Amino acid sequence: MNEDGLRNQIKEILKQDPTITRVDDKCSSIEFGVDLIFERKDPFNVIRKYGIQIKTKNITSTKERGSESVKEIIAQLAIAFGHQFPPDGKNLDAVYVIATKEINPFAQEHIKAARIGFREIYFIDGQTLERFLIEGKAKVNVLKEK
């Protein structure tokens, strides 16, 4: 699956989640480091803003050095966490880095080590993504049938 198709699938699944109050597709010529943004209210009724960066490849690295894909993700996260997104001008509370394949532990460590000033970073690999898509598609299909 290509990145556009995957992004649209994730967006449709997120829109069906009743706890999510907003989903914005940011994939364009000026995306500010994330492909999607979604918002949900926390238990104290505070709106939290999450970014999603989607990669349709392995994200791997060695212990000694970050790969080009890791460096690209770090640069995107620096932009994403430094930007204030409309409509409320809030910064992101966290970002999900989603890969259709593997995100090896060394890549995760390099990304986490570079997060000075970043907030939370969550990693979703191909197996976890596949479960999310299967469960999410089933829910979307049931809601469309109603």
C-alpha atoms as a PDB file:
ATOM      1  CA  MET A   1       0.000   0.000   0.000  1.00  0.00           C
ATOM      2  CA  ASN A   2       1.273   3.482  -0.795  1.00  0.00           C
ATOM      3  CA  GLU A   3       1.499   6.295   1.750  1.00  0.00           C
ATOM      4  CA  ASP A   4      -1.558   8.188   0.426  1.00  0.00           C
ATOM      5  CA  GLY A   5      -3.766   5.096   0.658  1.00  0.00           C
ATOM      6  CA  LEU A   6      -2.521   4.257   4.123  1.00  0.00           C
ATOM      7  CA  ARG A   7      -2.964   7.837   5.335  1.00  0.00           C
ATOM      8  CA  ASN A   8      -6.559   7.869   4.073  1.00  0.00           C
ATOM      9  CA  GLN A   9      -7.310   4.536   5.742  1.00  0.00           C
ATOM     10  CA  ILE A  10      -5.917   5.701   9.087  1.00  0.00           C
ATOM     11  CA  LYS A  11      -7.817   8.989   8.772  1.00  0.00           C
ATOM     12  CA  GLU A  12     -11.138   7.187   8.152  1.00  0.00           C
ATOM     13  CA  ILE A  13     -10.610   4.870  11.115  1.00  0.00           C
ATOM     14  CA  LEU A  14      -9.729   7.778  13.420  1.00  0.00           C
ATOM     15  CA  LYS A  15     -12.835   9.693  12.321  1.00  0.00           C
ATOM     16  CA  GLN A  16     -14.997   6.798  13.536  1.00  0.00           C
ATOM     17  CA  ASP A  17     -13.525   6.900  17.053  1.00  0.00           C
ATOM     18  CA  PRO A  18     -16.017   8.741  19.296  1.00  0.00           C
ATOM     19  CA  THR A  19     -13.245   9.952  21.617  1.00  0.00           C
ATOM     20  CA  ILE A  20     -11.537  11.851  18.799  1.00  0.00           C
ATOM     21  CA  THR A  21     -12.905  15.342  18.264  1.00  0.00           C
ATOM     22  CA  ARG A  22     -10.964  16.334  15.138  1.00  0.00           C
ATOM     23  CA  VAL A  23      -8.838  14.744  12.367  1.00  0.00           C
ATOM     24  CA  ASP A  24      -6.862  16.892   9.910  1.00  0.00           C
ATOM     25  CA  ASP A  25      -4.909  15.688   6.891  1.00  0.00           C
ATOM     26  CA  LYS A  26      -1.697  17.728   6.756  1.00  0.00           C
ATOM     27  CA  CYS A  27      -0.017  15.936   3.875  1.00  0.00           C
ATOM     28  CA  SER A  28       0.698  18.645   1.341  1.00  0.00           C
ATOM     29  CA  SER A  29       3.615  20.700   0.141  1.00  0.00           C
ATOM     30  CA  ILE A  30       3.713  22.354   3.605  1.00  0.00           C
ATOM     31  CA  GLU A  31       2.962  19.661   6.177  1.00  0.00           C
ATOM     32  CA  PHE A  32       5.128  20.861   9.091  1.00  0.00           C
ATOM     33  CA  GLY A  33       6.533  17.427   9.837  1.00  0.00           C
ATOM     34  CA  VAL A  34       3.354  15.360  10.194  1.00  0.00           C
ATOM     35  CA  ASP A  35       0.906  13.695   7.813  1.00  0.00           C
ATOM     36  CA  LEU A  36      -2.153  13.678  10.092  1.00  0.00           C
ATOM     37  CA  ILE A  37      -3.238  15.450  13.264  1.00  0.00           C
ATOM     38  CA  PHE A  38      -5.980  14.316  15.599  1.00  0.00           C
ATOM     39  CA  GLU A  39      -7.386  15.736  18.809  1.00  0.00           C
ATOM     40  CA  ARG A  40      -9.092  14.137  21.774  1.00  0.00           C
ATOM     41  CA  LYS A  41     -10.156  15.357  25.186  1.00  0.00           C
ATOM     42  CA  ASP A  42      -8.306  14.001  28.175  1.00  0.00           C
ATOM     43  CA  PRO A  43     -10.080  13.084  31.453  1.00  0.00           C
ATOM     44  CA  PHE A  44      -9.873  16.735  32.571  1.00  0.00           C
ATOM     45  CA  ASN A  45     -11.601  17.929  29.381  1.00  0.00           C
ATOM     46  CA  VAL A  46      -8.362  19.382  27.992  1.00  0.00           C
ATOM     47  CA  ILE A  47      -7.937  18.935  24.254  1.00  0.00           C
ATOM     48  CA  ARG A  48      -4.728  17.058  23.430  1.00  0.00           C
ATOM     49  CA  LYS A  49      -3.227  17.263  19.949  1.00  0.00           C
ATOM     50  CA  TYR A  50      -1.372  14.332  18.357  1.00  0.00           C
ATOM     51  CA  GLY A  51       0.599  14.181  15.119  1.00  0.00           C
ATOM     52  CA  ILE A  52       1.161  11.147  12.929  1.00  0.00           C
ATOM     53  CA  GLN A  53       4.164  10.654  10.643  1.00  0.00           C
ATOM     54  CA  ILE A  54       3.691   7.728   8.234  1.00  0.00           C
ATOM     55  CA  LYS A  55       6.528   5.799   6.589  1.00  0.00           C
ATOM     56  CA  THR A  56       5.971   2.965   4.114  1.00  0.00           C
ATOM     57  CA  LYS A  57       9.356   1.352   4.667  1.00  0.00           C
ATOM     58  CA  ASN A  58      11.596  -0.137   7.318  1.00  0.00           C
ATOM     59  CA  ILE A  59      13.072   2.314   9.769  1.00  0.00           C
ATOM     60  CA  THR A  60      16.319   0.768  10.860  1.00  0.00           C
ATOM     61  CA  SER A  61      19.629   1.903  12.221  1.00  0.00           C
ATOM     62  CA  THR A  62      22.776   0.547  13.780  1.00  0.00           C
ATOM     63  CA  LYS A  63      23.817   1.070  17.363  1.00  0.00           C
ATOM     64  CA  GLU A  64      26.594   3.450  16.327  1.00  0.00           C
ATOM     65  CA  ARG A  65      24.843   5.599  13.747  1.00  0.00           C
ATOM     66  CA  GLY A  66      21.376   6.741  12.728  1.00  0.00           C
ATOM     67  CA  SER A  67      20.333   5.935   9.155  1.00  0.00           C
ATOM     68  CA  GLU A  68      19.146   8.516   6.628  1.00  0.00           C
ATOM     69  CA  SER A  69      15.507   7.596   7.379  1.00  0.00           C
ATOM     70  CA  VAL A  70      16.138   8.153  11.104  1.00  0.00           C
ATOM     71  CA  LYS A  71      17.727  11.544  10.401  1.00  0.00           C
ATOM     72  CA  GLU A  72      14.744  12.456   8.211  1.00  0.00           C
ATOM     73  CA  ILE A  73      12.288  11.525  10.975  1.00  0.00           C
ATOM     74  CA  ILE A  74      14.248  13.522  13.564  1.00  0.00           C
ATOM     75  CA  ALA A  75      14.152  16.570  11.277  1.00  0.00           C
ATOM     76  CA  GLN A  76      10.407  16.134  10.719  1.00  0.00           C
ATOM     77  CA  LEU A  77       9.774  15.806  14.457  1.00  0.00           C
ATOM     78  CA  ALA A  78      11.800  18.948  15.171  1.00  0.00           C
ATOM     79  CA  ILE A  79       9.571  20.852  12.738  1.00  0.00           C
ATOM     80  CA  ALA A  80       6.365  19.237  14.037  1.00  0.00           C
ATOM     81  CA  PHE A  81       7.050  19.879  17.718  1.00  0.00           C
ATOM     82  CA  GLY A  82       8.109  23.456  17.020  1.00  0.00           C
ATOM     83  CA  HIS A  83       5.009  24.391  15.030  1.00  0.00           C
ATOM     84  CA  GLN A  84       1.737  25.741  16.388  1.00  0.00           C
ATOM     85  CA  PHE A  85      -1.106  24.163  14.442  1.00  0.00           C
ATOM     86  CA  PRO A  86      -4.421  25.813  13.568  1.00  0.00           C
ATOM     87  CA  PRO A  87      -7.186  26.330  14.389  1.00  0.00           C
ATOM     88  CA  ASP A  88      -6.146  26.969  18.011  1.00  0.00           C
ATOM     89  CA  GLY A  89      -2.418  27.564  17.542  1.00  0.00           C
ATOM     90  CA  LYS A  90      -1.477  24.751  19.924  1.00  0.00           C
ATOM     91  CA  ASN A  91       1.683  22.681  19.804  1.00  0.00           C
ATOM     92  CA  LEU A  92       1.534  18.902  19.538  1.00  0.00           C
ATOM     93  CA  ASP A  93       1.387  16.913  22.758  1.00  0.00           C
ATOM     94  CA  ALA A  94       2.814  13.778  21.114  1.00  0.00           C
ATOM     95  CA  VAL A  95       3.640  12.206  17.759  1.00  0.00           C
ATOM     96  CA  TYR A  96       3.096   8.686  16.487  1.00  0.00           C
ATOM     97  CA  VAL A  97       5.755   7.448  14.066  1.00  0.00           C
ATOM     98  CA  ILE A  98       4.029   4.740  12.043  1.00  0.00           C
ATOM     99  CA  ALA A  99       5.888   2.373   9.717  1.00  0.00           C
ATOM    100  CA  THR A 100       4.378  -0.314   7.521  1.00  0.00           C
ATOM    101  CA  LYS A 101       7.313  -2.545   8.347  1.00  0.00           C
ATOM    102  CA  GLU A 102       9.959  -2.637  11.078  1.00  0.00           C
ATOM    103  CA  ILE A 103      11.140   0.117  13.402  1.00  0.00           C
ATOM    104  CA  ASN A 104      14.173  -1.476  14.976  1.00  0.00           C
ATOM    105  CA  PRO A 105      15.217  -0.702  18.565  1.00  0.00           C
ATOM    106  CA  PHE A 106      18.363   1.190  17.472  1.00  0.00           C
ATOM    107  CA  ALA A 107      16.287   3.511  15.277  1.00  0.00           C
ATOM    108  CA  GLN A 108      13.888   4.118  18.168  1.00  0.00           C
ATOM    109  CA  GLU A 109      16.783   4.911  20.509  1.00  0.00           C
ATOM    110  CA  HIS A 110      18.375   7.369  18.061  1.00  0.00           C
ATOM    111  CA  ILE A 111      15.042   9.156  17.607  1.00  0.00           C
ATOM    112  CA  LYS A 112      14.350   9.268  21.335  1.00  0.00           C
ATOM    113  CA  ALA A 113      17.897  10.501  22.082  1.00  0.00           C
ATOM    114  CA  ALA A 114      17.414  13.459  19.722  1.00  0.00           C
ATOM    115  CA  ARG A 115      14.179  14.635  21.291  1.00  0.00           C
ATOM    116  CA  ILE A 116      15.451  17.620  23.222  1.00  0.00           C
ATOM    117  CA  GLY A 117      12.369  19.770  23.642  1.00  0.00           C
ATOM    118  CA  PHE A 118      10.145  17.123  22.073  1.00  0.00           C
ATOM    119  CA  ARG A 119       7.225  15.741  23.942  1.00  0.00           C
ATOM    120  CA  GLU A 120       6.143  12.085  23.705  1.00  0.00           C
ATOM    121  CA  ILE A 121       6.994   9.905  20.703  1.00  0.00           C
ATOM    122  CA  TYR A 122       5.169   6.621  20.127  1.00  0.00           C
ATOM    123  CA  PHE A 123       6.282   3.994  17.614  1.00  0.00           C
ATOM    124  CA  ILE A 124       3.815   1.827  15.695  1.00  0.00           C
ATOM    125  CA  ASP A 125       5.441  -0.923  13.623  1.00  0.00           C
ATOM    126  CA  GLY A 126       3.948  -2.979  10.796  1.00  0.00           C
ATOM    127  CA  GLN A 127       2.441  -5.695  13.014  1.00  0.00           C
ATOM    128  CA  THR A 128       0.704  -3.241  15.347  1.00  0.00           C
ATOM    129  CA  LEU A 129      -0.426  -1.175  12.354  1.00  0.00           C
ATOM    130  CA  GLU A 130      -1.894  -4.253  10.663  1.00  0.00           C
ATOM    131  CA  ARG A 131      -3.983  -5.088  13.755  1.00  0.00           C
ATOM    132  CA  PHE A 132      -5.166  -1.460  13.963  1.00  0.00           C
ATOM    133  CA  LEU A 133      -6.196  -1.482  10.286  1.00  0.00           C
ATOM    134  CA  ILE A 134      -8.024  -4.831  10.500  1.00  0.00           C
ATOM    135  CA  GLU A 135      -9.942  -3.862  13.648  1.00  0.00           C
ATOM    136  CA  GLY A 136     -10.560  -0.322  12.398  1.00  0.00           C
ATOM    137  CA  LYS A 137     -11.849  -1.419   8.965  1.00  0.00           C
ATOM    138  CA  ALA A 138     -14.292  -3.781  10.639  1.00  0.00           C
ATOM    139  CA  LYS A 139     -15.650  -0.941  12.815  1.00  0.00           C
ATOM    140  CA  VAL A 140     -15.878   1.455   9.851  1.00  0.00           C
ATOM    141  CA  ASN A 141     -17.725  -1.156   7.766  1.00  0.00           C
ATOM    142  CA  VAL A 142     -20.227  -1.845  10.569  1.00  0.00           C
ATOM    143  CA  LEU A 143     -20.917   1.871  10.985  1.00  0.00           C
ATOM    144  CA  LYS A 144     -21.352   2.345   7.223  1.00  0.00           C
ATOM    145  CA  GLU A 145     -23.881  -0.515   7.103  1.00  0.00           C
ATOM    146  CA  LYS A 146     -26.069   1.070   9.812  1.00  0.00           C
END
